[in-house]
Each structure stands twice: as C-alpha cells, then as structure tokens.
C-alpha cells in the first residue's frame, strides 16, 4: 500500500535545485545540477567559464515512500536509455540527498547538496501549449514532441525532445529571478549555441491558475508571447 504521508513529505523535500557533490565518490571538474519538480526531473552537466555544455538527461518521476521511479525521456549521453525506468533510493539528511540506483549491472551513488527549494509562484514543471502566431494566440498541436521548462526557487531549464523518436532538439538553463511581474533569466548553458551563455533576458509574466503567460524577447531578439501549462 502506498504510504501517502511519507511520500508527500519526501516529494516536497526533494523539490528544488541540487548541486552534485560526488558521483560514485568522485568529484566532477564541472558543475552538475539536478532540478526536481514533480512530475519531472532534469539533470545537466556544464562548465560556465568555458561555456561548455557537457550533457543532459530528464524524464518523468514518481515518488513512493523513499523510492524515486525515474523514466528517461531524453538523454544526450545515451539515447538507448530513453523509455527505460530506474528505481532510485533517496536518503535525505539536512540539506543533502544521496540517490542510490543500479543501471545495468553497475551500482551508482550520487550525492547532492541543496541549492534552493520551490518557494516561487512559478516553481514547477511547465509545458508550452499556446504561442502567438500572426498576431493571434494559437493552441499548439500537442504530440509526442514536447518542450518542458523546469523552474525552482532560483534556477530554470528548458528542454525540447521527443521520447518516441528519441530526438533531442536542445536545452538551456541557468538562474532565474522573479520581481514585480518580471521574470529574468541569466543563461549558464545552451546546448545549441554557447555564445548565448552569459546573456540576461527579462520577460513579463503572469500566472492564472495552471497557466503561465510569458512575453518579451527571445534569446535571438525575436518578440514572443507564450502560454505554458503546469504539468
């Protein structure tokens, strides 16, 4: 029987952004950042100073007691993992969490320290559903291909992918700040164009129920107006 009490406590505690401390006891020479906002989780490695995008993976998660069931929807390191589910054990202690899991025949341990939590009215996982075209807002035809944006208390990441065809179209992310109806991004990694790293973008935003209205100029300078729906 599902332990709804402990499940809810762990799910709430895990939500937010996490910095990789070690992978199987080893430190990386670049950053590894995990964003968790049910029903999604994204993990990305990057080097800000070198403007180097190392890799990213993400997918859907379900938390039951102290177990996290993660189903891969994109993986730039190993697309043969797409569609496969990994069961991880989460050991949460103060501001650190240790995930233990087996991939193939290899046992792995990842230790993370907390960057932030979900104290933001935009915190969560969002999917783009409507976009301005020809001066009118139009609903997008939703299929297997999706663009998901994860937002925590201080970080963001978007990714465009198709889990059915295993096509990965790109990702970008960094820090985010919300103030007086303005949503500001500072880009720390961008898979398709490293020249975007270091850019600052500011948008108008408004949340209405499970809809987020997003308008301003894109990273390429084009005007945009979008509606994102909470997942």
C-alpha atoms as a PDB file:
ATOM      1  CA  UNK A   1       0.000   0.000   0.000  1.00  0.00           C
ATOM      2  CA  UNK A   2       1.299   3.449  -0.916  1.00  0.00           C
ATOM      3  CA  UNK A   3       2.458   5.433   2.107  1.00  0.00           C
ATOM      4  CA  UNK A   4       0.926   8.774   1.157  1.00  0.00           C
ATOM      5  CA  UNK A   5       2.222  10.560   4.258  1.00  0.00           C
ATOM      6  CA  UNK A   6       5.922   9.763   3.867  1.00  0.00           C
ATOM      7  CA  UNK A   7       5.626  10.023   0.081  1.00  0.00           C
ATOM      8  CA  UNK A   8       4.298  13.572   0.276  1.00  0.00           C
ATOM      9  CA  UNK A   9       6.933  14.614   2.816  1.00  0.00           C
ATOM     10  CA  UNK A  10       9.808  13.290   0.691  1.00  0.00           C
ATOM     11  CA  UNK A  11       8.351  14.686  -2.537  1.00  0.00           C
ATOM     12  CA  UNK A  12       8.092  18.161  -1.022  1.00  0.00           C
ATOM     13  CA  UNK A  13      11.589  17.917   0.469  1.00  0.00           C
ATOM     14  CA  UNK A  14      13.161  16.827  -2.830  1.00  0.00           C
ATOM     15  CA  UNK A  15      11.626  19.583  -4.925  1.00  0.00           C
ATOM     16  CA  UNK A  16      14.015  22.347  -5.924  1.00  0.00           C
ATOM     17  CA  UNK A  17      17.559  22.575  -7.296  1.00  0.00           C
ATOM     18  CA  UNK A  18      20.511  20.429  -6.215  1.00  0.00           C
ATOM     19  CA  UNK A  19      24.275  20.654  -6.854  1.00  0.00           C
ATOM     20  CA  UNK A  20      26.213  17.441  -7.486  1.00  0.00           C
ATOM     21  CA  UNK A  21      28.829  16.816  -4.777  1.00  0.00           C
ATOM     22  CA  UNK A  22      30.074  13.439  -5.967  1.00  0.00           C
ATOM     23  CA  UNK A  23      29.308  10.619  -8.401  1.00  0.00           C
ATOM     24  CA  UNK A  24      30.417   7.225  -7.103  1.00  0.00           C
ATOM     25  CA  UNK A  25      32.726   9.043  -4.693  1.00  0.00           C
ATOM     26  CA  UNK A  26      34.366  11.199  -7.374  1.00  0.00           C
ATOM     27  CA  UNK A  27      34.044  14.948  -7.891  1.00  0.00           C
ATOM     28  CA  UNK A  28      33.485  16.419 -11.366  1.00  0.00           C
ATOM     29  CA  UNK A  29      35.675  19.161 -12.861  1.00  0.00           C
ATOM     30  CA  UNK A  30      32.483  20.990 -13.898  1.00  0.00           C
ATOM     31  CA  UNK A  31      29.014  21.558 -12.462  1.00  0.00           C
ATOM     32  CA  UNK A  32      26.218  19.032 -12.261  1.00  0.00           C
ATOM     33  CA  UNK A  33      22.774  20.438 -11.414  1.00  0.00           C
ATOM     34  CA  UNK A  34      19.581  18.495 -10.722  1.00  0.00           C
ATOM     35  CA  UNK A  35      16.133  20.118 -10.882  1.00  0.00           C
ATOM     36  CA  UNK A  36      13.228  18.192  -9.367  1.00  0.00           C
ATOM     37  CA  UNK A  37       9.635  19.353  -9.654  1.00  0.00           C
ATOM     38  CA  UNK A  38       7.101  16.539  -9.848  1.00  0.00           C
ATOM     39  CA  UNK A  39       6.280  15.074 -12.309  1.00  0.00           C
ATOM     40  CA  UNK A  40       9.679  15.844 -13.926  1.00  0.00           C
ATOM     41  CA  UNK A  41      13.389  15.843 -13.124  1.00  0.00           C
ATOM     42  CA  UNK A  42      16.270  17.224 -15.244  1.00  0.00           C
ATOM     43  CA  UNK A  43      19.992  16.664 -14.632  1.00  0.00           C
ATOM     44  CA  UNK A  44      22.630  18.651 -16.554  1.00  0.00           C
ATOM     45  CA  UNK A  45      26.413  18.968 -16.534  1.00  0.00           C
ATOM     46  CA  UNK A  46      28.082  22.152 -17.790  1.00  0.00           C
ATOM     47  CA  UNK A  47      31.066  24.479 -17.438  1.00  0.00           C
ATOM     48  CA  UNK A  48      30.053  28.138 -17.168  1.00  0.00           C
ATOM     49  CA  UNK A  49      33.521  29.660 -17.629  1.00  0.00           C
ATOM     50  CA  UNK A  50      34.295  27.520 -20.660  1.00  0.00           C
ATOM     51  CA  UNK A  51      30.734  27.922 -21.996  1.00  0.00           C
ATOM     52  CA  UNK A  52      30.722  24.164 -22.385  1.00  0.00           C
ATOM     53  CA  UNK A  53      27.541  22.112 -22.372  1.00  0.00           C
ATOM     54  CA  UNK A  54      28.564  18.599 -21.293  1.00  0.00           C
ATOM     55  CA  UNK A  55      25.248  16.758 -21.375  1.00  0.00           C
ATOM     56  CA  UNK A  56      21.727  16.487 -20.028  1.00  0.00           C
ATOM     57  CA  UNK A  57      19.007  13.987 -19.310  1.00  0.00           C
ATOM     58  CA  UNK A  58      15.491  14.192 -17.976  1.00  0.00           C
ATOM     59  CA  UNK A  59      12.164  12.489 -17.661  1.00  0.00           C
ATOM     60  CA  UNK A  60       9.157  11.775 -15.528  1.00  0.00           C
ATOM     61  CA  UNK A  61       9.359  10.872 -11.860  1.00  0.00           C
ATOM     62  CA  UNK A  62       7.074   9.245  -9.332  1.00  0.00           C
ATOM     63  CA  UNK A  63       7.944   9.231  -5.641  1.00  0.00           C
ATOM     64  CA  UNK A  64       6.700   6.384  -3.433  1.00  0.00           C
ATOM     65  CA  UNK A  65       7.928   6.336   0.183  1.00  0.00           C
ATOM     66  CA  UNK A  66      11.746   6.683  -0.131  1.00  0.00           C
ATOM     67  CA  UNK A  67      11.836   5.460  -3.748  1.00  0.00           C
ATOM     68  CA  UNK A  68      12.047   7.634  -6.848  1.00  0.00           C
ATOM     69  CA  UNK A  69      10.906   5.968 -10.071  1.00  0.00           C
ATOM     70  CA  UNK A  70      12.521   7.822 -12.969  1.00  0.00           C
ATOM     71  CA  UNK A  71      11.579   7.160 -16.611  1.00  0.00           C
ATOM     72  CA  UNK A  72      14.055   8.643 -19.101  1.00  0.00           C
ATOM     73  CA  UNK A  73      12.528  10.836 -21.839  1.00  0.00           C
ATOM     74  CA  UNK A  74      15.766  12.335 -23.183  1.00  0.00           C
ATOM     75  CA  UNK A  75      19.437  11.567 -22.623  1.00  0.00           C
ATOM     76  CA  UNK A  76      22.244  13.217 -24.598  1.00  0.00           C
ATOM     77  CA  UNK A  77      24.793  10.751 -23.201  1.00  0.00           C
ATOM     78  CA  UNK A  78      22.911   7.538 -24.006  1.00  0.00           C
ATOM     79  CA  UNK A  79      19.704   7.685 -26.038  1.00  0.00           C
ATOM     80  CA  UNK A  80      19.330   3.911 -25.682  1.00  0.00           C
ATOM     81  CA  UNK A  81      18.195   4.638 -22.093  1.00  0.00           C
ATOM     82  CA  UNK A  82      15.118   6.554 -23.309  1.00  0.00           C
ATOM     83  CA  UNK A  83      11.941   4.783 -22.228  1.00  0.00           C
ATOM     84  CA  UNK A  84      13.691   2.815 -19.504  1.00  0.00           C
ATOM     85  CA  UNK A  85      12.833   3.214 -15.831  1.00  0.00           C
ATOM     86  CA  UNK A  86      15.332   3.427 -12.989  1.00  0.00           C
ATOM     87  CA  UNK A  87      14.376   2.919  -9.356  1.00  0.00           C
ATOM     88  CA  UNK A  88      16.408   5.101  -7.004  1.00  0.00           C
ATOM     89  CA  UNK A  89      16.545   5.098  -3.223  1.00  0.00           C
ATOM     90  CA  UNK A  90      16.660   8.605  -1.750  1.00  0.00           C
ATOM     91  CA  UNK A  91      18.380   9.225   1.587  1.00  0.00           C
ATOM     92  CA  UNK A  92      17.692  12.799   2.684  1.00  0.00           C
ATOM     93  CA  UNK A  93      19.720  14.348   5.501  1.00  0.00           C
ATOM     94  CA  UNK A  94      19.528  18.088   6.273  1.00  0.00           C
ATOM     95  CA  UNK A  95      20.472  19.836   3.017  1.00  0.00           C
ATOM     96  CA  UNK A  96      21.976  16.800   1.308  1.00  0.00           C
ATOM     97  CA  UNK A  97      20.427  13.889  -0.552  1.00  0.00           C
ATOM     98  CA  UNK A  98      22.013  10.639  -1.692  1.00  0.00           C
ATOM     99  CA  UNK A  99      20.494   8.707  -4.586  1.00  0.00           C
ATOM    100  CA  UNK A 100      21.454   5.038  -4.934  1.00  0.00           C
ATOM    101  CA  UNK A 101      20.476   3.065  -8.030  1.00  0.00           C
ATOM    102  CA  UNK A 102      21.558   0.314 -10.397  1.00  0.00           C
ATOM    103  CA  UNK A 103      21.966   0.929 -14.126  1.00  0.00           C
ATOM    104  CA  UNK A 104      22.574  -2.304 -15.982  1.00  0.00           C
ATOM    105  CA  UNK A 105      24.946  -4.167 -13.698  1.00  0.00           C
ATOM    106  CA  UNK A 106      26.533  -1.017 -12.267  1.00  0.00           C
ATOM    107  CA  UNK A 107      25.621   0.306  -8.837  1.00  0.00           C
ATOM    108  CA  UNK A 108      25.773   4.091  -8.615  1.00  0.00           C
ATOM    109  CA  UNK A 109      25.639   6.688  -5.866  1.00  0.00           C
ATOM    110  CA  UNK A 110      25.061  10.395  -6.450  1.00  0.00           C
ATOM    111  CA  UNK A 111      25.340  12.899  -3.591  1.00  0.00           C
ATOM    112  CA  UNK A 112      23.797  16.366  -3.959  1.00  0.00           C
ATOM    113  CA  UNK A 113      23.672  19.493  -1.791  1.00  0.00           C
ATOM    114  CA  UNK A 114      20.653  21.773  -1.869  1.00  0.00           C
ATOM    115  CA  UNK A 115      20.764  24.963  -3.956  1.00  0.00           C
ATOM    116  CA  UNK A 116      17.186  26.079  -3.323  1.00  0.00           C
ATOM    117  CA  UNK A 117      13.634  24.878  -2.807  1.00  0.00           C
ATOM    118  CA  UNK A 118      10.325  25.564  -4.530  1.00  0.00           C
ATOM    119  CA  UNK A 119       9.426  28.901  -2.939  1.00  0.00           C
ATOM    120  CA  UNK A 120       8.291  30.645  -6.118  1.00  0.00           C
ATOM    121  CA  UNK A 121       4.913  31.116  -7.786  1.00  0.00           C
ATOM    122  CA  UNK A 122       6.482  29.722 -10.979  1.00  0.00           C
ATOM    123  CA  UNK A 123       8.126  26.729  -9.308  1.00  0.00           C
ATOM    124  CA  UNK A 124       7.183  23.553 -11.122  1.00  0.00           C
ATOM    125  CA  UNK A 125       7.276  21.795 -14.466  1.00  0.00           C
ATOM    126  CA  UNK A 126       5.611  23.574 -17.385  1.00  0.00           C
ATOM    127  CA  UNK A 127       4.808  22.605 -20.985  1.00  0.00           C
ATOM    128  CA  UNK A 128       4.373  25.167 -23.742  1.00  0.00           C
ATOM    129  CA  UNK A 129       0.810  24.876 -25.103  1.00  0.00           C
ATOM    130  CA  UNK A 130      -0.020  28.191 -26.843  1.00  0.00           C
ATOM    131  CA  UNK A 131       2.027  30.621 -28.921  1.00  0.00           C
ATOM    132  CA  UNK A 132       1.499  33.961 -30.678  1.00  0.00           C
ATOM    133  CA  UNK A 133       1.344  33.459 -34.452  1.00  0.00           C
ATOM    134  CA  UNK A 134       0.294  36.104 -36.932  1.00  0.00           C
ATOM    135  CA  UNK A 135      -0.814  38.413 -34.145  1.00  0.00           C
ATOM    136  CA  UNK A 136      -3.093  35.788 -32.562  1.00  0.00           C
ATOM    137  CA  UNK A 137      -2.611  33.324 -29.735  1.00  0.00           C
ATOM    138  CA  UNK A 138      -2.936  29.814 -31.137  1.00  0.00           C
ATOM    139  CA  UNK A 139      -3.077  26.496 -29.328  1.00  0.00           C
ATOM    140  CA  UNK A 140      -0.206  24.242 -30.335  1.00  0.00           C
ATOM    141  CA  UNK A 141      -0.895  20.769 -31.633  1.00  0.00           C
ATOM    142  CA  UNK A 142       0.389  18.598 -28.813  1.00  0.00           C
ATOM    143  CA  UNK A 143       2.014  15.327 -29.776  1.00  0.00           C
ATOM    144  CA  UNK A 144       4.950  13.259 -28.617  1.00  0.00           C
ATOM    145  CA  UNK A 145       7.365  16.157 -29.126  1.00  0.00           C
ATOM    146  CA  UNK A 146       7.319  18.480 -26.141  1.00  0.00           C
ATOM    147  CA  UNK A 147       9.071  21.488 -24.685  1.00  0.00           C
ATOM    148  CA  UNK A 148       9.237  21.395 -20.891  1.00  0.00           C
ATOM    149  CA  UNK A 149      10.557  24.174 -18.680  1.00  0.00           C
ATOM    150  CA  UNK A 150      11.543  23.450 -15.087  1.00  0.00           C
ATOM    151  CA  UNK A 151      11.645  26.307 -12.586  1.00  0.00           C
ATOM    152  CA  UNK A 152      12.754  26.173  -8.943  1.00  0.00           C
ATOM    153  CA  UNK A 153      13.339  28.920  -6.416  1.00  0.00           C
ATOM    154  CA  UNK A 154      16.408  30.242  -8.234  1.00  0.00           C
ATOM    155  CA  UNK A 155      17.064  28.121 -11.348  1.00  0.00           C
ATOM    156  CA  UNK A 156      15.457  27.193 -14.651  1.00  0.00           C
ATOM    157  CA  UNK A 157      15.971  24.769 -17.516  1.00  0.00           C
ATOM    158  CA  UNK A 158      14.004  24.147 -20.690  1.00  0.00           C
ATOM    159  CA  UNK A 159      14.381  21.117 -22.929  1.00  0.00           C
ATOM    160  CA  UNK A 160      12.764  20.171 -26.252  1.00  0.00           C
ATOM    161  CA  UNK A 161      12.585  16.464 -27.045  1.00  0.00           C
ATOM    162  CA  UNK A 162      10.525  13.603 -28.457  1.00  0.00           C
ATOM    163  CA  UNK A 163      10.662  10.465 -26.306  1.00  0.00           C
ATOM    164  CA  UNK A 164       9.014   8.356 -29.028  1.00  0.00           C
ATOM    165  CA  UNK A 165      11.576   9.103 -31.753  1.00  0.00           C
ATOM    166  CA  UNK A 166      14.401   9.778 -29.245  1.00  0.00           C
ATOM    167  CA  UNK A 167      15.016  13.123 -30.951  1.00  0.00           C
ATOM    168  CA  UNK A 168      16.630  15.797 -28.784  1.00  0.00           C
ATOM    169  CA  UNK A 169      16.193  19.356 -30.074  1.00  0.00           C
ATOM    170  CA  UNK A 170      18.049  21.364 -27.439  1.00  0.00           C
ATOM    171  CA  UNK A 171      18.201  22.680 -23.892  1.00  0.00           C
ATOM    172  CA  UNK A 172      19.275  25.751 -21.982  1.00  0.00           C
ATOM    173  CA  UNK A 173      19.254  26.940 -18.413  1.00  0.00           C
ATOM    174  CA  UNK A 174      20.724  28.988 -15.623  1.00  0.00           C
ATOM    175  CA  UNK A 175      19.478  31.235 -12.841  1.00  0.00           C
ATOM    176  CA  UNK A 176      16.122  32.975 -12.608  1.00  0.00           C
ATOM    177  CA  UNK A 177      14.733  35.907 -10.618  1.00  0.00           C
ATOM    178  CA  UNK A 178      11.101  36.999 -10.194  1.00  0.00           C
ATOM    179  CA  UNK A 179      10.310  40.576  -9.203  1.00  0.00           C
ATOM    180  CA  UNK A 180       7.361  42.930  -9.773  1.00  0.00           C
ATOM    181  CA  UNK A 181       5.819  40.873 -12.549  1.00  0.00           C
ATOM    182  CA  UNK A 182       9.170  40.464 -14.301  1.00  0.00           C
ATOM    183  CA  UNK A 183      10.847  37.135 -14.951  1.00  0.00           C
ATOM    184  CA  UNK A 184      14.624  37.413 -15.519  1.00  0.00           C
ATOM    185  CA  UNK A 185      16.934  34.663 -16.772  1.00  0.00           C
ATOM    186  CA  UNK A 186      20.730  34.502 -16.723  1.00  0.00           C
ATOM    187  CA  UNK A 187      21.888  31.804 -19.145  1.00  0.00           C
ATOM    188  CA  UNK A 188      24.621  29.457 -17.878  1.00  0.00           C
ATOM    189  CA  UNK A 189      24.397  26.751 -20.554  1.00  0.00           C
ATOM    190  CA  UNK A 190      22.877  26.458 -24.012  1.00  0.00           C
ATOM    191  CA  UNK A 191      23.315  23.251 -25.983  1.00  0.00           C
ATOM    192  CA  UNK A 192      22.850  24.688 -29.472  1.00  0.00           C
ATOM    193  CA  UNK A 193      24.845  27.924 -29.187  1.00  0.00           C
ATOM    194  CA  UNK A 194      27.479  28.546 -26.478  1.00  0.00           C
ATOM    195  CA  UNK A 195      27.546  32.244 -27.423  1.00  0.00           C
ATOM    196  CA  UNK A 196      24.212  32.604 -25.592  1.00  0.00           C
ATOM    197  CA  UNK A 197      25.925  31.807 -22.278  1.00  0.00           C
ATOM    198  CA  UNK A 198      26.133  34.914 -20.086  1.00  0.00           C
ATOM    199  CA  UNK A 199      23.098  36.581 -21.657  1.00  0.00           C
ATOM    200  CA  UNK A 200      20.410  38.147 -19.471  1.00  0.00           C
ATOM    201  CA  UNK A 201      16.780  38.053 -20.609  1.00  0.00           C
ATOM    202  CA  UNK A 202      13.794  39.701 -18.944  1.00  0.00           C
ATOM    203  CA  UNK A 203      10.157  38.876 -19.648  1.00  0.00           C
ATOM    204  CA  UNK A 204       6.743  39.881 -18.368  1.00  0.00           C
ATOM    205  CA  UNK A 205       4.919  37.062 -16.635  1.00  0.00           C
ATOM    206  CA  UNK A 206       1.512  36.389 -15.118  1.00  0.00           C
ATOM    207  CA  UNK A 207       0.169  33.216 -13.521  1.00  0.00           C
ATOM    208  CA  UNK A 208      -3.529  32.432 -13.837  1.00  0.00           C
ATOM    209  CA  UNK A 209      -4.376  29.086 -12.256  1.00  0.00           C
ATOM    210  CA  UNK A 210      -2.301  26.453 -14.036  1.00  0.00           C
ATOM    211  CA  UNK A 211      -1.467  28.816 -16.923  1.00  0.00           C
ATOM    212  CA  UNK A 212       1.641  30.993 -17.175  1.00  0.00           C
ATOM    213  CA  UNK A 213       1.603  33.884 -19.642  1.00  0.00           C
ATOM    214  CA  UNK A 214       5.122  34.667 -20.843  1.00  0.00           C
ATOM    215  CA  UNK A 215       6.005  37.595 -23.135  1.00  0.00           C
ATOM    216  CA  UNK A 216       9.072  39.577 -24.203  1.00  0.00           C
ATOM    217  CA  UNK A 217      12.060  38.989 -26.479  1.00  0.00           C
ATOM    218  CA  UNK A 218      13.719  35.621 -27.061  1.00  0.00           C
ATOM    219  CA  UNK A 219      17.465  34.973 -26.770  1.00  0.00           C
ATOM    220  CA  UNK A 220      17.707  35.695 -30.508  1.00  0.00           C
ATOM    221  CA  UNK A 221      15.888  39.037 -30.090  1.00  0.00           C
ATOM    222  CA  UNK A 222      12.551  37.985 -31.557  1.00  0.00           C
ATOM    223  CA  UNK A 223       9.290  39.061 -29.853  1.00  0.00           C
ATOM    224  CA  UNK A 224       7.446  36.181 -28.219  1.00  0.00           C
ATOM    225  CA  UNK A 225       4.213  35.587 -26.359  1.00  0.00           C
ATOM    226  CA  UNK A 226       3.542  32.135 -24.997  1.00  0.00           C
ATOM    227  CA  UNK A 227       1.301  30.250 -22.597  1.00  0.00           C
ATOM    228  CA  UNK A 228       2.800  27.431 -20.572  1.00  0.00           C
ATOM    229  CA  UNK A 229       0.624  24.902 -18.715  1.00  0.00           C
ATOM    230  CA  UNK A 230       1.616  23.376 -15.389  1.00  0.00           C
ATOM    231  CA  UNK A 231       2.209  19.641 -15.592  1.00  0.00           C
END
